[in-house]
Protein backbone atom coordinates (compact mmCIF):
# COMPACT_ATOMS: atom_id res chain seq x y z
CA MET A 1 190.74 -25.86 -17.50
CA LYS A 2 190.82 -26.19 -20.94
CA LYS A 3 188.61 -29.25 -20.62
CA LEU A 4 186.33 -27.36 -18.62
CA LEU A 5 186.09 -24.39 -20.86
CA MET A 6 185.42 -26.67 -23.74
CA LYS A 7 182.57 -27.63 -22.39
CA PRO A 8 179.93 -26.15 -24.11
CA SER A 9 177.51 -25.95 -20.74
CA ILE A 10 180.42 -24.72 -18.74
CA ALA A 11 181.17 -22.44 -20.86
CA ILE A 12 177.95 -20.70 -21.48
CA SER A 13 177.72 -20.12 -17.82
CA VAL A 14 181.06 -18.69 -17.25
CA ALA A 15 180.07 -16.28 -20.02
CA ILE A 16 176.68 -15.86 -18.50
CA LEU A 17 178.28 -15.00 -14.98
CA CYS A 18 180.96 -12.27 -16.68
CA SER A 19 178.34 -10.68 -17.79
CA VAL A 20 176.47 -10.52 -15.05
CA LEU A 21 179.06 -9.28 -12.85
CA TRP A 22 180.11 -6.23 -15.48
CA GLY A 23 176.03 -5.76 -15.62
CA SER A 24 176.31 -5.06 -11.80
CA ALA A 25 179.03 -2.70 -12.56
CA PHE A 26 176.68 0.68 -13.23
CA PRO A 27 174.65 0.28 -10.52
CA VAL A 28 177.88 0.19 -8.57
CA LEU A 29 179.23 3.18 -10.40
CA LYS A 30 176.40 5.45 -9.94
CA VAL A 31 176.05 4.83 -5.99
CA SER A 32 179.74 5.11 -5.62
CA TYR A 33 179.62 8.77 -7.53
CA ASP A 34 176.67 9.58 -5.17
CA GLU A 35 178.00 8.11 -2.03
CA LEU A 36 182.34 9.25 -2.85
CA GLN A 37 180.68 13.03 -4.04
CA MET A 38 182.53 12.94 -7.41
CA SER A 39 181.13 15.96 -9.35
CA ALA A 40 179.69 14.45 -13.18
CA ASP A 41 182.38 17.03 -14.59
CA ASP A 42 185.37 16.06 -12.37
CA VAL A 43 187.30 14.11 -15.39
CA ILE A 44 190.16 13.54 -12.48
CA ALA A 45 188.56 12.06 -9.88
CA LYS A 46 186.96 9.82 -12.32
CA MET A 47 190.95 8.42 -13.61
CA VAL A 48 191.36 7.84 -10.09
CA PHE A 49 188.82 6.22 -8.76
CA ALA A 50 189.22 3.89 -11.56
CA GLY A 51 192.93 3.45 -11.11
CA LEU A 52 192.65 2.45 -7.75
CA ARG A 53 189.93 -0.26 -8.96
CA PHE A 54 192.00 -1.42 -11.19
CA PHE A 55 195.35 -1.75 -9.77
CA LEU A 56 193.32 -4.03 -6.67
CA ALA A 57 191.50 -6.12 -9.39
CA GLY A 58 195.05 -6.66 -11.05
CA LEU A 59 196.77 -7.25 -7.97
CA LEU A 60 193.97 -9.72 -6.67
CA VAL A 61 194.54 -11.77 -10.03
CA LEU A 62 198.46 -11.58 -9.52
CA ILE A 63 198.26 -12.68 -6.02
CA PHE A 64 196.21 -15.41 -6.84
CA LEU A 65 198.25 -16.79 -9.74
CA PHE A 66 200.97 -16.70 -7.35
CA PHE A 67 199.62 -19.00 -4.99
CA MET A 68 198.46 -21.30 -7.63
CA ASN A 69 200.72 -21.24 -10.43
CA ARG A 70 203.63 -19.14 -9.34
CA SER A 71 206.09 -20.05 -12.85
CA ALA A 72 202.53 -18.61 -15.05
CA ILE A 73 203.45 -14.97 -13.59
CA LYS A 74 206.78 -14.73 -15.35
CA ILE A 75 206.70 -13.10 -18.33
CA THR A 76 209.42 -12.17 -21.05
CA LYS A 77 210.31 -8.40 -22.31
CA LYS A 78 208.43 -8.90 -25.49
CA GLN A 79 204.91 -10.23 -23.67
CA PHE A 80 205.66 -7.12 -21.20
CA GLY A 81 205.63 -4.97 -24.17
CA ILE A 82 202.12 -6.52 -25.42
CA LEU A 83 200.09 -6.41 -21.85
CA LEU A 84 201.62 -2.62 -21.52
CA VAL A 85 200.14 -2.14 -25.14
CA LEU A 86 196.86 -4.36 -23.84
CA GLY A 87 196.65 -2.72 -20.77
CA VAL A 88 196.26 1.28 -21.82
CA ILE A 89 193.96 0.15 -23.98
CA GLN A 90 192.03 -2.37 -22.44
CA THR A 91 191.90 -0.74 -18.96
CA ALA A 92 193.11 2.79 -19.26
CA PHE A 93 191.82 4.08 -22.66
CA GLN A 94 188.43 2.11 -22.02
CA TYR A 95 188.18 3.29 -18.65
CA TYR A 96 188.89 6.55 -18.98
CA PHE A 97 185.94 6.72 -21.87
CA PHE A 98 183.85 4.29 -19.83
CA TYR A 99 183.76 6.23 -16.31
CA ASN A 100 183.41 9.88 -17.75
CA GLY A 101 180.62 8.61 -19.83
CA LEU A 102 178.75 6.75 -17.61
CA ALA A 103 178.74 10.04 -15.14
CA ARG A 104 177.15 12.58 -17.85
CA VAL A 105 173.94 9.92 -18.82
CA THR A 106 171.55 7.56 -17.52
CA GLY A 107 172.30 4.52 -16.47
CA MET A 108 169.81 3.15 -18.78
CA GLN A 109 171.56 4.98 -21.60
CA GLY A 110 174.58 3.63 -20.49
CA ALA A 111 173.18 0.54 -20.71
CA ILE A 112 172.09 0.44 -24.02
CA LEU A 113 175.50 2.43 -25.21
CA SER A 114 177.61 0.07 -23.66
CA SER A 115 176.17 -2.99 -25.94
CA GLY A 116 178.69 -1.14 -28.63
CA GLY A 117 181.29 -3.04 -28.18
CA ILE A 118 179.38 -6.49 -28.74
CA PHE A 119 179.09 -4.96 -32.22
CA PHE A 120 181.99 -3.55 -32.73
CA THR A 121 183.91 -6.93 -31.48
CA ILE A 122 181.52 -9.29 -34.15
CA LEU A 123 182.12 -6.86 -37.21
CA ALA A 124 185.64 -7.07 -36.27
CA ALA A 125 186.07 -11.11 -35.43
CA HIS A 126 184.02 -10.68 -38.94
CA PHE A 127 186.92 -8.54 -40.88
CA TYR A 128 189.52 -10.52 -39.08
CA TYR A 129 188.99 -13.97 -39.05
CA LYS A 130 188.25 -16.12 -41.94
CA ASP A 131 186.30 -18.86 -39.79
CA ASP A 132 184.35 -16.35 -37.58
CA ARG A 133 181.73 -14.59 -40.38
CA LEU A 134 178.69 -12.66 -39.86
CA SER A 135 175.62 -15.33 -41.30
CA LYS A 136 172.37 -14.75 -41.31
CA GLN A 137 171.89 -16.79 -38.08
CA LYS A 138 174.22 -14.29 -36.54
CA VAL A 139 172.83 -11.22 -37.66
CA ILE A 140 169.12 -12.24 -36.62
CA GLY A 141 170.59 -13.33 -33.52
CA ILE A 142 172.20 -9.83 -33.11
CA LEU A 143 168.92 -8.22 -34.45
CA ALA A 144 167.13 -10.15 -31.62
CA GLY A 145 169.29 -9.54 -29.07
CA PHE A 146 169.59 -5.94 -29.02
CA SER A 147 165.74 -5.63 -29.62
CA GLY A 148 166.56 -6.98 -26.42
CA ILE A 149 167.98 -4.55 -24.68
CA ILE A 150 166.18 -1.64 -26.33
CA LEU A 151 163.33 -3.10 -24.33
CA ALA A 152 164.32 -3.03 -21.62
CA ASN A 153 165.31 0.49 -21.32
CA TRP A 154 162.28 1.21 -22.94
CA GLY A 155 160.61 4.32 -21.37
CA GLN A 156 163.33 5.25 -18.72
CA SER A 157 164.25 8.64 -19.35
CA LEU A 158 165.44 7.74 -23.01
CA THR A 159 166.20 10.86 -24.87
CA LEU A 160 168.15 11.35 -28.54
CA SER A 161 170.50 14.39 -27.68
CA PHE A 162 174.30 13.21 -27.93
CA GLN A 163 177.26 14.61 -26.13
CA TRP A 164 180.62 13.85 -27.01
CA ASP A 165 181.66 13.37 -23.54
CA GLY A 166 178.48 11.36 -22.46
CA GLU A 167 177.54 9.28 -25.40
CA GLY A 168 180.49 9.81 -27.53
CA PHE A 169 182.61 8.73 -24.63
CA MET A 170 180.28 5.11 -23.61
CA LEU A 171 180.78 4.25 -28.09
CA MET A 172 183.90 4.33 -27.55
CA ALA A 173 184.47 2.46 -24.50
CA GLY A 174 182.80 -0.10 -26.74
CA VAL A 175 185.22 0.48 -29.99
CA THR A 176 188.51 -0.08 -27.38
CA SER A 177 186.86 -3.15 -26.10
CA ALA A 178 186.38 -4.57 -29.77
CA ILE A 179 190.22 -3.89 -29.93
CA ALA A 180 191.15 -5.35 -26.73
CA THR A 181 189.08 -8.09 -26.97
CA ILE A 182 190.98 -9.13 -30.58
CA MET A 183 194.32 -7.69 -29.34
CA ALA A 184 194.07 -10.72 -26.11
CA LYS A 185 193.27 -13.41 -28.60
CA GLU A 186 196.21 -12.74 -31.28
CA LEU A 187 199.35 -11.59 -29.29
CA ALA A 188 198.84 -12.76 -25.89
CA THR A 189 199.28 -16.46 -27.04
CA GLY A 190 201.41 -18.16 -24.89
CA ILE A 191 200.25 -16.59 -21.92
CA HIS A 192 198.23 -17.78 -19.43
CA PRO A 193 195.01 -16.10 -19.06
CA PHE A 194 194.97 -14.73 -15.37
CA ALA A 195 198.61 -13.48 -16.16
CA ILE A 196 197.02 -11.41 -18.91
CA THR A 197 194.24 -10.34 -16.68
CA GLY A 198 196.57 -9.65 -13.98
CA TRP A 199 198.79 -7.57 -15.63
CA GLN A 200 196.84 -5.50 -18.11
CA LEU A 201 194.83 -4.28 -15.38
CA THR A 202 197.78 -3.49 -13.12
CA LEU A 203 199.33 -1.86 -16.04
CA GLY A 204 196.77 -0.21 -17.27
CA ALA A 205 195.39 1.49 -13.96
CA VAL A 206 199.48 2.46 -12.85
CA ALA A 207 198.76 4.91 -16.40
CA LEU A 208 195.65 6.60 -15.18
CA LEU A 209 196.70 6.70 -11.39
CA LEU A 210 200.26 8.44 -12.81
CA ILE A 211 198.02 10.87 -15.09
CA GLY A 212 195.36 11.26 -12.41
CA PHE A 213 196.90 11.66 -8.58
CA PRO A 214 199.13 14.70 -9.70
CA GLN A 215 196.22 16.64 -10.85
CA LEU A 216 193.54 15.63 -8.41
CA GLU A 217 191.90 18.24 -6.66
CA ALA A 218 191.56 18.05 -2.48
CA GLY A 219 188.39 16.58 -1.43
CA ALA A 220 187.57 15.30 -5.30
CA ILE A 221 186.72 12.24 -3.87
CA GLN A 222 184.81 11.49 -0.32
CA PHE A 223 185.32 7.91 0.87
CA ASN A 224 183.12 6.42 3.12
CA ALA A 225 182.33 2.70 4.36
CA LEU A 226 180.16 2.37 1.91
CA GLY A 227 182.08 3.83 -0.65
CA ALA A 228 184.96 1.86 0.45
CA GLY A 229 183.15 -1.39 0.50
CA LEU A 230 181.78 -0.42 -3.55
CA LEU A 231 185.34 0.09 -4.44
CA LEU A 232 186.59 -3.19 -3.20
CA TYR A 233 183.24 -4.86 -4.86
CA SER A 234 184.12 -3.62 -8.29
CA ALA A 235 187.82 -4.49 -8.04
CA PHE A 236 186.58 -8.06 -7.28
CA LEU A 237 184.37 -7.90 -9.97
CA SER A 238 186.62 -6.99 -12.47
CA ALA A 239 189.33 -9.60 -11.00
CA THR A 240 186.55 -12.15 -11.42
CA ALA A 241 185.00 -11.24 -14.67
CA PHE A 242 188.09 -10.20 -16.76
CA ALA A 243 190.12 -13.69 -15.91
CA LEU A 244 187.40 -15.78 -16.73
CA TRP A 245 186.68 -14.01 -19.80
CA TYR A 246 190.06 -14.09 -21.47
CA SER A 247 190.22 -17.84 -20.43
CA LEU A 248 187.26 -18.17 -22.52
CA LEU A 249 188.34 -16.42 -25.45
CA LYS A 250 191.78 -17.99 -25.15
CA TYR A 251 189.32 -21.58 -26.53
CA HIS A 252 186.47 -20.16 -28.26
CA GLN A 253 185.53 -17.97 -31.15
CA ALA A 254 185.82 -14.01 -30.26
CA GLY A 255 182.53 -13.13 -32.47
CA ARG A 256 180.72 -16.00 -30.59
CA ILE A 257 181.29 -15.87 -27.16
CA SER A 258 180.96 -11.70 -27.14
CA MET A 259 176.99 -12.34 -28.09
CA TYR A 260 176.90 -13.24 -24.40
CA LYS A 261 177.78 -10.01 -23.20
CA PHE A 262 174.12 -8.86 -24.48
CA ILE A 263 173.36 -10.30 -20.95
CA THR A 264 175.46 -7.06 -19.23
CA PRO A 265 173.43 -4.41 -20.43
CA VAL A 266 170.07 -6.18 -19.68
CA SER A 267 171.34 -7.30 -16.18
CA GLY A 268 172.42 -3.99 -15.56
CA VAL A 269 169.19 -2.65 -15.97
CA LEU A 270 168.11 -5.32 -13.45
CA LEU A 271 170.01 -4.39 -10.58
CA SER A 272 169.69 -0.90 -11.40
CA ALA A 273 165.81 -1.21 -10.69
CA VAL A 274 166.94 -3.03 -7.39
CA PHE A 275 169.63 -0.94 -6.08
CA ILE A 276 169.15 2.56 -6.95
CA PRO A 277 166.08 4.74 -6.49
CA GLY A 278 163.43 5.59 -8.79
CA GLU A 279 164.37 2.13 -11.20
CA ALA A 280 161.50 0.08 -11.56
CA LEU A 281 160.99 -3.46 -13.20
CA THR A 282 158.49 -3.90 -16.11
CA TRP A 283 156.99 -6.31 -17.88
CA MET A 284 159.08 -5.16 -20.84
CA LEU A 285 162.09 -6.40 -18.56
CA VAL A 286 160.90 -9.87 -18.80
CA VAL A 287 160.46 -9.68 -22.66
CA ALA A 288 163.65 -8.67 -23.08
CA PHE A 289 165.43 -11.56 -21.34
CA VAL A 290 163.37 -13.70 -23.57
CA MET A 291 164.59 -11.65 -26.85
CA VAL A 292 168.19 -11.66 -25.56
CA ALA A 293 167.86 -15.16 -24.99
CA PHE A 294 166.95 -16.12 -28.66
CA GLY A 295 169.35 -14.23 -29.43
CA ILE A 296 172.07 -16.27 -28.27
CA ILE A 297 170.68 -19.19 -29.14
CA ILE A 298 170.19 -18.52 -32.88
CA VAL A 299 173.64 -17.23 -32.66
CA ASN A 300 174.75 -20.88 -30.81
CA LYS A 301 172.39 -22.93 -32.89
CA LYS A 302 174.29 -25.56 -35.50
């Protein structure tokens, strides 16, 4: 795995794949809320839905690892404590904020606000790592990438209103994502990347379900065939994206790899245009892709 992921072409391809998978979560969740008839202000239903998704995702990763490298699943008590904290921050806290915040903003606003995690990660890496400082190139790349995100969403019902349980929650999801990225790189050393993914997803999901299920009102989530299919897909995308992402973090700088997350909101816009009624492609979306690509090239240019 190390030999493969150390190759620039492979690392870039994997980072882009992860970002596209995460981008697909925006239309998937928006459609899921409608299909499952979840109220926008039902916090508990969102917690339970998130818990189900990530519990399934964690089990998928652990089952895969069991057959591929059984010994890698085993962890010490100290490692369990680290993964429990990581799971609470990365899965329980982040997706509590993300699921409930996204319910109160448009998909386009959510895509823009989700990019906050990129900035928080790069800034955190600048202050935490001596070899991952901000540079003129990186600043230009960040500005170009964020400009692309704004262009991608221009004119799509973007407003300047601010709600703590809407836009505020989306920004908090970015903060928790940045904290978890640094934690995973620093504290989870010596643990197989897939084991990190499987355990933290499962443990974080259990926390969400233990809090959510006892408070879930009858009929708050109405499952149908499409809703169940979307839940399974979202579990699959989480298992795949997180497992690959933690593998990348093991061998590459957090700040540099996080730049590729600029593709997430842009792909979220593109997929929303395809799958959500009322969303349409514009010429500015094409310009946005160019800006994001330019930002990535500038950051990684030696």
